[in-house]
Amino acid sequence: MTATHAFWLAGRQATGETTFDVTSPWDGRLVGRVSVPTDEQVEEAVAAAYAVRDEFAATPAHVRAAALDHVSRRLVERTEEIAQLISAENGKPIKWARGEVGRAVSVFRFAAEEARRFNGGEAQRLDTDLGGQGRLAFTRRFPKGVVLGIAPFNFPLNLCAHKIAPAIAAGVPIILKPAPATPLSGLIIGDLLSEAATELPTGAWSILPVANDRMPALVQDERLPVISFTGSEKVGYAIMDSAPRKHCTLELGGNGAAVVLADWASDEDLDWAATRIATFSNYQGGQSCISVQRVIADASVYERLLPRIVAAVEAQVTGDPSDGATDVGPLVSEDAAKRVEAWVREAVDAGAALLTGGKRDGATYAPTVLADVPADVTLSCEEVFGPVLTVTKVAGEAEAFAAVNDSKYGLQAGVFTHDLQTAFRAHRALEVGGVVVGDVPSYRADQMPYGGVKQSGVGREGVRFAMDDYTYERVMVLTGLQL
């Protein structure tokens, strides 16, 4: 018998009246059964979070930091167990799942460090004008209110960590909703947090695996003035449009471009670029919003780069995600794989050249490379969120940068160049939230600001930047001082 996993209601375990099954996208086996909170339990969680918001904000920094440090240490101790869980419910190859646990370790450690130094305050002299003589402004940050965190399936542990760890670090209550397809990894954060959070106010955090169709009521709840959402463009902007007066951080989609410029021309350069492109167009089954979807190569290197990319993609090992040799596992569902299959078929029917891949087996889609893809097909315009790569030839830097910007998305871009001036031109010209020089757009350090422009979202994640998003500046003016 599979045990039913409880959820976390105001810091304690609870069960509801119904359950749902979590199954493996690889072989369909039952991974776990999850209890679903009732409407009354959801209300209890929201009311508890709202009631303790002032108390939590006043909790000493060392208390919040200690809880976060504990979670970080326990993640290290339970790495293999948690990685196996991620792989089972998500279909992520075990080596990538272990890497995800390692990143979550860092997120909680960074959050503990930020909790200790956050909100020290900033003093500003106001006697720069006559009317401010004897006055000093002192600015600190205070919570905007309870956060509703909504996490996706593709990084089921780490992106939950990116919601809950900054909230605890800043003393902001949070209601966390993990993705319905992958709730077990998020719930395990509750297991670890509960071991150390006895000094945190009851109600400071809840982890509730509620169905997506129950979210509109939470989105509209005035007691939850901050929404941090990671997921699809369609859902993210629907949330923002339905709650226009709330503060929304939206980390949405992308169609990451890797630009290979003319000076990246040695055999060693092109081998490195091809390997990185092949790896990061297919890692997580391509289900990462900064995976490489587009390669934009200068004409002077295109003919030498393209066969290297194809060979490197064909070397990716597809198979059982529990096998340490597997590079590419299944997509999150067979429906997701069928959608990718349909988009590739549309591109080929419109004249694209299929260079490798293009085959589906259940929820698994073979790593795929296409060239000469028409600009108006879905694959060129939307986020594929699968192991599919397009390669385009351009004439020079200006045309390459224009091709990157010819997209409704703007999350991150990678630029392979050795030239420092080119790097700064890319940083200035590319309409994205991050430019990675000398590598693919798929690089993310969990402490750096992360987010996009255009239809890739608003706001920034990264521990300290999320803490800023969850709080606002409040100034106090002191009068009659001898400065």
Protein backbone atom coordinates (compact mmCIF):
# COMPACT_ATOMS: atom_id res chain seq x y z
CA MET A 1 0.00 0.00 0.00
CA THR A 2 1.24 3.51 -0.85
CA ALA A 3 1.13 5.86 2.12
CA THR A 4 -0.82 9.08 1.76
CA HIS A 5 1.35 12.17 1.99
CA ALA A 6 -0.02 14.84 4.29
CA PHE A 7 0.22 18.52 3.43
CA TRP A 8 1.46 21.33 5.66
CA LEU A 9 -1.16 23.60 7.19
CA ALA A 10 0.19 26.48 9.30
CA GLY A 11 3.36 24.55 10.02
CA ARG A 12 1.73 21.25 10.99
CA GLN A 13 0.85 18.15 9.01
CA ALA A 14 -2.78 17.70 8.04
CA THR A 15 -4.93 15.61 5.73
CA GLY A 16 -8.10 16.42 3.86
CA GLU A 17 -11.04 14.37 2.67
CA THR A 18 -9.73 13.39 -0.77
CA THR A 19 -6.47 12.34 -2.38
CA PHE A 20 -4.87 12.26 -5.79
CA ASP A 21 -2.20 10.01 -7.27
CA VAL A 22 1.22 11.09 -8.45
CA THR A 23 2.55 8.84 -11.21
CA SER A 24 5.85 8.53 -13.02
CA PRO A 25 5.87 9.96 -16.56
CA TRP A 26 8.45 7.32 -17.45
CA ASP A 27 6.54 4.13 -16.70
CA GLY A 28 3.23 5.24 -15.18
CA ARG A 29 3.91 3.65 -11.81
CA LEU A 30 2.38 5.12 -8.70
CA VAL A 31 4.92 7.31 -6.93
CA GLY A 32 2.73 8.61 -4.13
CA ARG A 33 -0.74 9.54 -3.02
CA VAL A 34 -1.30 13.09 -1.80
CA SER A 35 -4.00 14.39 0.50
CA VAL A 36 -5.92 17.42 -0.77
CA PRO A 37 -6.84 20.24 1.63
CA THR A 38 -10.50 21.13 1.92
CA ASP A 39 -11.76 24.66 1.33
CA GLU A 40 -12.00 25.07 5.10
CA GLN A 41 -8.37 24.02 5.55
CA VAL A 42 -7.20 26.42 2.86
CA GLU A 43 -9.10 29.19 4.64
CA GLU A 44 -7.45 28.19 7.92
CA ALA A 45 -4.00 28.44 6.33
CA VAL A 46 -4.68 31.87 4.84
CA ALA A 47 -6.21 33.20 8.05
CA ALA A 48 -3.27 31.90 10.09
CA ALA A 49 -0.73 33.50 7.76
CA TYR A 50 -2.58 36.81 7.79
CA ALA A 51 -2.84 36.77 11.59
CA VAL A 52 0.90 36.33 12.20
CA ARG A 53 2.27 38.74 9.62
CA ASP A 54 3.36 41.36 12.19
CA GLU A 55 4.73 38.77 14.58
CA PHE A 56 6.71 37.06 11.84
CA ALA A 57 8.17 40.36 10.62
CA ALA A 58 9.45 41.00 14.16
CA THR A 59 11.02 37.54 14.56
CA PRO A 60 14.76 37.87 15.29
CA ALA A 61 16.98 37.36 12.27
CA HIS A 62 18.94 34.58 13.97
CA VAL A 63 15.76 32.54 14.44
CA ARG A 64 14.82 32.74 10.77
CA ALA A 65 18.41 32.10 9.70
CA ALA A 66 18.71 29.05 11.94
CA ALA A 67 15.60 27.47 10.41
CA LEU A 68 16.93 28.06 6.91
CA ASP A 69 20.37 26.74 7.77
CA HIS A 70 18.77 23.59 9.12
CA VAL A 71 16.86 22.94 5.90
CA SER A 72 20.04 23.46 3.88
CA ARG A 73 21.96 20.94 6.00
CA ARG A 74 19.16 18.38 5.94
CA LEU A 75 18.89 18.61 2.17
CA VAL A 76 22.56 17.66 1.99
CA GLU A 77 21.99 14.69 4.30
CA ARG A 78 18.98 13.46 2.34
CA THR A 79 20.24 14.30 -1.15
CA GLU A 80 19.98 10.84 -2.69
CA GLU A 81 16.53 10.11 -1.27
CA ILE A 82 15.15 13.46 -2.47
CA ALA A 83 16.82 13.15 -5.87
CA GLN A 84 15.17 9.76 -6.35
CA LEU A 85 11.84 11.34 -5.48
CA ILE A 86 12.32 14.19 -7.97
CA SER A 87 13.29 11.70 -10.67
CA ALA A 88 10.32 9.48 -9.95
CA GLU A 89 7.59 12.11 -9.98
CA ASN A 90 9.11 14.40 -12.62
CA GLY A 91 10.90 11.97 -14.95
CA LYS A 92 14.10 13.98 -14.59
CA PRO A 93 17.30 11.97 -15.09
CA ILE A 94 18.82 11.18 -11.72
CA LYS A 95 22.02 13.10 -12.38
CA TRP A 96 20.02 16.28 -13.03
CA ALA A 97 17.83 15.56 -10.02
CA ARG A 98 20.90 15.38 -7.80
CA GLY A 99 22.00 18.71 -9.23
CA GLU A 100 18.63 20.20 -8.41
CA VAL A 101 18.93 19.15 -4.78
CA GLY A 102 22.37 20.75 -4.68
CA ARG A 103 20.92 24.01 -5.95
CA ALA A 104 18.18 23.94 -3.32
CA VAL A 105 20.88 23.45 -0.68
CA SER A 106 22.43 26.69 -1.89
CA VAL A 107 19.12 28.55 -2.01
CA PHE A 108 18.40 27.85 1.66
CA ARG A 109 22.00 28.65 2.62
CA PHE A 110 21.89 31.94 0.71
CA ALA A 111 18.56 32.75 2.36
CA ALA A 112 20.03 32.12 5.81
CA GLU A 113 22.91 34.45 5.01
CA GLU A 114 20.58 37.14 3.68
CA ALA A 115 18.31 36.84 6.73
CA ARG A 116 21.26 37.81 8.93
CA ARG A 117 22.15 40.94 6.96
CA PHE A 118 18.79 41.96 5.50
CA ASN A 119 17.12 45.18 6.59
CA GLY A 120 20.00 46.77 8.43
CA GLY A 121 18.62 50.10 7.32
CA GLU A 122 20.12 52.98 5.38
CA ALA A 123 20.63 56.50 6.70
CA GLN A 124 20.46 59.53 4.41
CA ARG A 125 21.27 63.13 5.34
CA LEU A 126 18.52 65.53 4.36
CA ASP A 127 20.40 68.76 5.09
CA THR A 128 21.57 68.95 1.51
CA ASP A 129 18.91 71.68 1.22
CA LEU A 130 18.09 74.35 3.77
CA GLY A 131 14.66 72.88 4.53
CA GLY A 132 16.24 69.62 5.62
CA GLN A 133 18.66 71.04 8.17
CA GLY A 134 18.87 68.85 11.25
CA ARG A 135 16.99 66.01 9.56
CA LEU A 136 18.04 62.44 8.83
CA ALA A 137 16.07 59.85 6.84
CA PHE A 138 16.35 56.25 7.97
CA THR A 139 14.96 53.63 5.59
CA ARG A 140 14.09 50.01 6.29
CA ARG A 141 12.09 47.38 4.45
CA PHE A 142 8.82 45.88 5.68
CA PRO A 143 6.67 43.04 4.31
CA LYS A 144 4.03 43.88 1.75
CA GLY A 145 1.91 41.09 3.19
CA VAL A 146 1.36 37.36 2.86
CA VAL A 147 2.85 35.81 -0.28
CA LEU A 148 1.02 33.33 -2.48
CA GLY A 149 3.78 31.28 -4.11
CA ILE A 150 2.86 29.15 -7.13
CA ALA A 151 5.57 26.75 -8.33
CA PRO A 152 5.90 24.74 -11.59
CA PHE A 153 6.67 21.07 -12.26
CA ASN A 154 10.00 21.34 -14.05
CA PHE A 155 12.15 22.09 -10.97
CA PRO A 156 9.77 20.75 -8.33
CA LEU A 157 12.16 21.22 -5.41
CA ASN A 158 14.32 24.19 -6.32
CA LEU A 159 11.58 26.48 -7.57
CA CYS A 160 9.58 25.79 -4.41
CA ALA A 161 12.74 26.71 -2.53
CA HIS A 162 12.93 29.98 -4.47
CA LYS A 163 9.46 30.91 -3.19
CA ILE A 164 9.62 29.83 0.43
CA ALA A 165 13.24 30.47 1.45
CA PRO A 166 13.24 34.23 0.65
CA ALA A 167 9.89 34.62 2.40
CA ILE A 168 11.17 33.07 5.61
CA ALA A 169 14.40 35.06 5.36
CA ALA A 170 12.45 38.33 5.13
CA GLY A 171 9.90 37.39 7.79
CA VAL A 172 7.03 37.23 5.31
CA PRO A 173 4.29 34.55 5.71
CA ILE A 174 3.80 32.38 2.64
CA ILE A 175 1.22 29.98 1.23
CA LEU A 176 3.07 27.73 -1.22
CA LYS A 177 1.26 25.79 -3.93
CA PRO A 178 3.43 23.11 -5.59
CA ALA A 179 2.58 21.87 -9.09
CA PRO A 180 -0.15 19.17 -9.19
CA ALA A 181 2.07 16.87 -11.27
CA THR A 182 5.01 17.07 -8.85
CA PRO A 183 3.87 17.97 -5.31
CA LEU A 184 6.01 15.50 -3.37
CA SER A 185 9.26 17.42 -3.76
CA GLY A 186 7.64 20.59 -2.45
CA LEU A 187 6.03 18.81 0.48
CA ILE A 188 9.39 17.46 1.59
CA ILE A 189 10.50 21.04 2.25
CA GLY A 190 7.79 21.07 4.89
CA ASP A 191 9.26 17.94 6.46
CA LEU A 192 12.63 19.63 6.84
CA LEU A 193 11.34 23.04 7.82
CA SER A 194 9.11 21.60 10.53
CA GLU A 195 12.15 20.10 12.24
CA ALA A 196 13.62 23.55 12.85
CA ALA A 197 10.77 26.00 12.66
CA THR A 198 9.39 25.59 16.17
CA GLU A 199 10.45 29.14 17.00
CA LEU A 200 8.71 30.58 13.96
CA PRO A 201 5.15 31.82 14.49
CA THR A 202 2.46 29.22 13.85
CA GLY A 203 0.95 30.07 10.51
CA ALA A 204 4.09 31.57 9.00
CA TRP A 205 4.11 28.95 6.23
CA SER A 206 1.83 26.40 4.62
CA ILE A 207 2.36 24.05 1.66
CA LEU A 208 -0.97 23.21 0.06
CA PRO A 209 -1.32 20.87 -2.96
CA VAL A 210 -4.55 22.37 -4.24
CA ALA A 211 -5.84 21.88 -7.77
CA ASN A 212 -5.32 24.60 -10.35
CA ASP A 213 -9.04 25.22 -10.68
CA ARG A 214 -9.16 26.29 -7.04
CA MET A 215 -6.54 28.98 -7.48
CA PRO A 216 -8.72 31.90 -8.67
CA ALA A 217 -10.20 32.29 -5.19
CA LEU A 218 -6.72 32.46 -3.65
CA VAL A 219 -5.49 34.83 -6.33
CA GLN A 220 -8.39 37.16 -5.55
CA ASP A 221 -8.06 36.94 -1.75
CA GLU A 222 -7.17 40.40 -0.45
CA ARG A 223 -5.20 38.88 2.43
CA LEU A 224 -2.63 37.66 -0.11
CA PRO A 225 -1.34 40.91 -1.68
CA VAL A 226 1.83 39.40 -3.19
CA ILE A 227 1.83 36.67 -5.84
CA SER A 228 5.02 34.95 -6.95
CA PHE A 229 4.27 32.75 -9.96
CA THR A 230 6.54 30.60 -12.11
CA GLY A 231 4.93 28.94 -15.10
CA SER A 232 3.36 29.59 -18.46
CA GLU A 233 2.90 33.00 -20.06
CA LYS A 234 -0.83 32.41 -20.49
CA VAL A 235 -1.49 31.58 -16.84
CA GLY A 236 0.90 34.20 -15.47
CA TYR A 237 -0.66 37.12 -17.28
CA ALA A 238 -4.16 35.81 -16.54
CA ILE A 239 -3.25 36.01 -12.85
CA MET A 240 -1.92 39.54 -13.22
CA ASP A 241 -4.94 40.67 -15.22
CA SER A 242 -7.33 39.22 -12.66
CA ALA A 243 -5.59 40.94 -9.73
CA PRO A 244 -4.19 44.19 -11.17
CA ARG A 245 -3.70 45.88 -7.80
CA LYS A 246 -1.58 43.09 -6.38
CA HIS A 247 2.19 42.90 -6.58
CA CYS A 248 2.97 40.09 -9.02
CA THR A 249 6.35 38.56 -9.76
CA LEU A 250 6.00 36.48 -12.91
CA GLU A 251 8.78 34.19 -14.12
CA LEU A 252 7.37 32.96 -17.40
CA GLY A 253 8.54 31.37 -20.61
CA GLY A 254 11.36 31.88 -23.04
CA ASN A 255 12.86 30.56 -26.24
CA GLY A 256 16.50 30.87 -25.29
CA ALA A 257 18.96 31.78 -28.03
CA ALA A 258 22.62 30.83 -28.20
CA VAL A 259 24.54 33.14 -30.53
CA VAL A 260 27.82 31.87 -31.99
CA LEU A 261 29.78 34.76 -33.47
CA ALA A 262 32.57 34.79 -36.04
CA ASP A 263 35.42 35.06 -33.54
CA TRP A 264 34.34 31.81 -31.82
CA ALA A 265 36.04 29.89 -34.62
CA SER A 266 38.69 27.44 -33.47
CA ASP A 267 37.97 23.73 -33.42
CA GLU A 268 38.16 23.85 -29.64
CA ASP A 269 35.69 26.75 -29.55
CA LEU A 270 33.17 25.04 -31.79
CA ASP A 271 33.45 21.70 -29.98
CA TRP A 272 32.77 23.46 -26.66
CA ALA A 273 29.82 25.41 -28.06
CA ALA A 274 28.29 22.32 -29.68
CA THR A 275 28.62 20.27 -26.49
CA ARG A 276 27.08 22.98 -24.33
CA ILE A 277 24.28 23.59 -26.82
CA ALA A 278 23.46 19.88 -27.11
CA THR A 279 23.50 19.37 -23.36
CA PHE A 280 21.37 22.36 -22.50
CA SER A 281 18.83 22.01 -25.27
CA ASN A 282 18.02 18.59 -23.83
CA TYR A 283 18.61 18.73 -20.08
CA GLN A 284 15.40 18.32 -18.08
CA GLY A 285 13.95 17.02 -21.39
CA GLY A 286 14.15 20.60 -22.65
CA GLN A 287 11.64 21.55 -19.96
CA SER A 288 13.49 24.61 -18.74
CA CYS A 289 12.56 28.14 -19.68
CA ILE A 290 16.25 28.91 -20.33
CA SER A 291 17.04 25.75 -22.27
CA VAL A 292 18.61 26.36 -25.69
CA GLN A 293 15.81 26.47 -28.24
CA ARG A 294 17.48 28.58 -30.92
CA VAL A 295 21.05 28.60 -32.21
CA ILE A 296 21.95 31.67 -34.22
CA ALA A 297 25.31 31.12 -35.90
CA ASP A 298 27.44 33.47 -37.97
CA ALA A 299 27.74 32.30 -41.58
CA SER A 300 31.52 32.01 -41.22
CA VAL A 301 31.21 29.25 -38.61
CA TYR A 302 27.80 27.76 -39.47
CA GLU A 303 28.97 24.93 -41.75
CA ARG A 304 31.55 23.76 -39.21
CA LEU A 305 29.28 24.16 -36.19
CA LEU A 306 26.14 22.47 -37.48
CA PRO A 307 27.50 18.90 -37.85
CA ARG A 308 29.14 19.22 -34.44
CA ILE A 309 25.79 20.14 -32.88
CA VAL A 310 24.02 17.24 -34.60
CA ALA A 311 26.68 14.78 -33.45
CA ALA A 312 26.59 16.09 -29.89
CA VAL A 313 22.80 15.88 -29.79
CA GLU A 314 22.86 12.33 -31.13
CA ALA A 315 25.30 11.43 -28.34
CA GLN A 316 22.70 12.34 -25.71
CA VAL A 317 21.53 9.17 -23.97
CA THR A 318 17.75 8.85 -23.80
CA GLY A 319 16.10 6.40 -21.47
CA ASP A 320 15.18 5.45 -17.93
CA PRO A 321 15.61 8.52 -15.69
CA SER A 322 16.74 6.34 -12.78
CA ASP A 323 19.78 5.22 -14.79
CA GLY A 324 22.83 7.36 -14.03
CA ALA A 325 23.88 7.22 -17.69
CA THR A 326 20.65 8.80 -18.94
CA ASP A 327 20.87 12.38 -20.20
CA VAL A 328 17.30 12.82 -21.46
CA GLY A 329 14.25 11.36 -19.80
CA PRO A 330 10.54 11.70 -20.59
CA LEU A 331 8.54 14.89 -20.68
CA VAL A 332 6.15 15.46 -17.83
CA SER A 333 3.32 13.71 -19.70
CA GLU A 334 2.50 12.00 -22.96
CA ASP A 335 0.29 14.95 -23.91
CA ALA A 336 3.31 17.24 -23.58
CA ALA A 337 5.32 14.97 -25.88
CA LYS A 338 2.45 14.85 -28.40
CA ARG A 339 2.37 18.66 -28.48
CA VAL A 340 6.12 18.79 -29.22
CA GLU A 341 5.65 16.15 -31.92
CA ALA A 342 2.91 18.22 -33.55
CA TRP A 343 5.01 21.39 -33.55
CA VAL A 344 7.97 19.62 -35.17
CA ARG A 345 5.70 18.03 -37.77
CA GLU A 346 4.23 21.44 -38.59
CA ALA A 347 7.74 22.89 -39.08
CA VAL A 348 8.86 20.02 -41.33
CA ASP A 349 5.67 20.23 -43.39
CA ALA A 350 6.41 23.93 -43.86
CA GLY A 351 9.90 23.21 -45.22
CA ALA A 352 12.21 22.83 -42.23
CA ALA A 353 15.03 20.31 -42.50
CA LEU A 354 14.93 17.61 -39.81
CA LEU A 355 18.57 16.76 -39.12
CA THR A 356 18.11 14.30 -36.26
CA GLY A 357 15.41 13.11 -33.87
CA GLY A 358 11.78 13.88 -34.53
CA LYS A 359 10.45 10.67 -32.98
CA ARG A 360 8.16 10.12 -29.99
CA ASP A 361 7.81 7.06 -27.76
CA GLY A 362 5.07 7.64 -25.20
CA ALA A 363 6.10 10.62 -23.08
CA THR A 364 9.66 10.56 -24.42
CA TYR A 365 10.63 12.71 -27.38
CA ALA A 366 13.97 12.13 -29.08
CA PRO A 367 16.51 15.00 -29.00
CA THR A 368 15.83 16.89 -32.19
CA VAL A 369 17.66 19.39 -34.42
CA LEU A 370 16.09 21.34 -37.26
CA ALA A 371 17.46 23.87 -39.74
CA ASP A 372 15.80 26.26 -42.18
CA VAL A 373 12.76 26.61 -39.95
CA PRO A 374 10.22 29.11 -41.34
CA ALA A 375 9.78 32.17 -39.14
CA ASP A 376 6.01 31.87 -38.94
CA VAL A 377 5.63 28.31 -37.64
CA THR A 378 4.79 27.65 -33.99
CA LEU A 379 8.25 26.28 -33.26
CA SER A 380 9.81 29.61 -34.20
CA CYS A 381 7.35 31.75 -32.27
CA GLU A 382 6.54 29.89 -29.05
CA GLU A 383 8.38 28.13 -26.25
CA VAL A 384 8.70 24.46 -27.22
CA PHE A 385 9.48 23.22 -23.68
CA GLY A 386 10.89 20.03 -25.10
CA PRO A 387 14.20 18.63 -26.43
CA VAL A 388 14.06 20.49 -29.74
CA LEU A 389 16.66 22.83 -31.23
CA THR A 390 16.59 25.06 -34.31
CA VAL A 391 19.74 26.35 -36.03
CA THR A 392 19.81 29.52 -38.14
CA LYS A 393 22.57 31.12 -40.23
CA VAL A 394 23.07 34.91 -40.02
CA ALA A 395 25.45 37.44 -41.55
CA GLY A 396 27.24 39.18 -38.73
CA GLU A 397 26.69 40.45 -35.22
CA ALA A 398 23.95 42.95 -35.96
CA GLU A 399 21.82 40.38 -37.74
CA ALA A 400 22.44 37.87 -34.94
CA PHE A 401 21.34 40.29 -32.23
CA ALA A 402 18.29 41.30 -34.26
CA ALA A 403 17.34 37.62 -34.56
CA VAL A 404 17.54 37.18 -30.78
CA ASN A 405 15.27 40.19 -30.29
CA ASP A 406 12.79 39.03 -32.94
CA SER A 407 10.78 37.21 -30.29
CA LYS A 408 7.99 38.03 -27.90
CA TYR A 409 10.14 36.48 -25.16
CA GLY A 410 13.18 37.93 -23.44
CA LEU A 411 14.47 35.73 -20.63
CA GLN A 412 18.17 34.97 -21.21
CA ALA A 413 20.56 34.71 -24.14
CA GLY A 414 23.99 33.17 -24.54
CA VAL A 415 26.68 34.81 -26.70
CA PHE A 416 29.77 32.87 -27.71
CA THR A 417 32.45 35.51 -28.26
CA HIS A 418 35.93 36.23 -26.98
CA ASP A 419 35.67 39.97 -27.55
CA LEU A 420 34.96 42.13 -24.50
CA GLN A 421 33.53 44.98 -26.55
CA THR A 422 31.15 42.56 -28.25
CA ALA A 423 30.08 41.29 -24.86
CA PHE A 424 29.18 44.80 -23.73
CA ARG A 425 27.37 45.49 -27.00
CA ALA A 426 25.36 42.31 -26.46
CA HIS A 427 24.54 43.38 -22.91
CA ARG A 428 23.28 46.70 -24.24
CA ALA A 429 21.48 45.44 -27.34
CA LEU A 430 19.78 42.20 -26.34
CA GLU A 431 16.24 42.53 -24.98
CA VAL A 432 16.55 39.90 -22.27
CA GLY A 433 16.87 39.71 -18.51
CA GLY A 434 20.30 38.06 -18.63
CA VAL A 435 23.19 37.75 -21.10
CA VAL A 436 25.63 34.87 -20.58
CA VAL A 437 28.91 35.43 -22.41
CA GLY A 438 30.93 32.43 -23.55
CA ASP A 439 28.19 29.94 -22.74
CA VAL A 440 24.56 28.97 -23.33
CA PRO A 441 21.60 30.95 -21.92
CA SER A 442 20.84 28.07 -19.56
CA TYR A 443 23.28 29.17 -16.86
CA ARG A 444 21.67 30.35 -13.63
CA ALA A 445 23.27 30.98 -10.26
CA ASP A 446 20.61 30.97 -7.60
CA GLN A 447 21.83 34.14 -5.91
CA MET A 448 21.82 36.31 -9.06
CA PRO A 449 18.83 38.34 -10.28
CA TYR A 450 16.79 36.12 -12.57
CA GLY A 451 13.83 37.07 -14.71
CA GLY A 452 12.86 38.44 -18.07
CA VAL A 453 11.35 41.22 -20.13
CA LYS A 454 8.61 41.34 -22.75
CA GLN A 455 6.41 38.23 -22.40
CA SER A 456 8.95 36.46 -20.19
CA GLY A 457 7.58 38.14 -17.10
CA VAL A 458 8.07 40.91 -14.56
CA GLY A 459 10.17 41.13 -11.42
CA ARG A 460 13.21 39.12 -10.41
CA GLU A 461 13.94 35.98 -8.46
CA GLY A 462 17.25 35.14 -6.79
CA VAL A 463 17.13 35.13 -3.00
CA ARG A 464 17.88 38.76 -2.16
CA PHE A 465 15.92 40.05 -5.13
CA ALA A 466 12.87 38.02 -4.15
CA MET A 467 13.17 39.41 -0.63
CA ASP A 468 13.08 42.91 -2.12
CA ASP A 469 10.00 41.93 -4.12
CA TYR A 470 8.25 40.69 -0.97
CA THR A 471 8.94 43.92 0.94
CA TYR A 472 8.73 47.69 0.51
CA GLU A 473 10.77 50.66 1.71
CA ARG A 474 9.47 52.70 4.63
CA VAL A 475 11.29 55.88 5.56
CA MET A 476 11.50 57.46 9.02
CA VAL A 477 12.61 61.10 9.25
CA LEU A 478 14.38 62.17 12.44
CA THR A 479 14.22 65.86 13.24
CA GLY A 480 16.34 68.26 15.29
CA LEU A 481 19.60 66.37 14.98
CA GLN A 482 23.09 67.82 15.02
CA LEU A 483 24.52 66.14 11.96
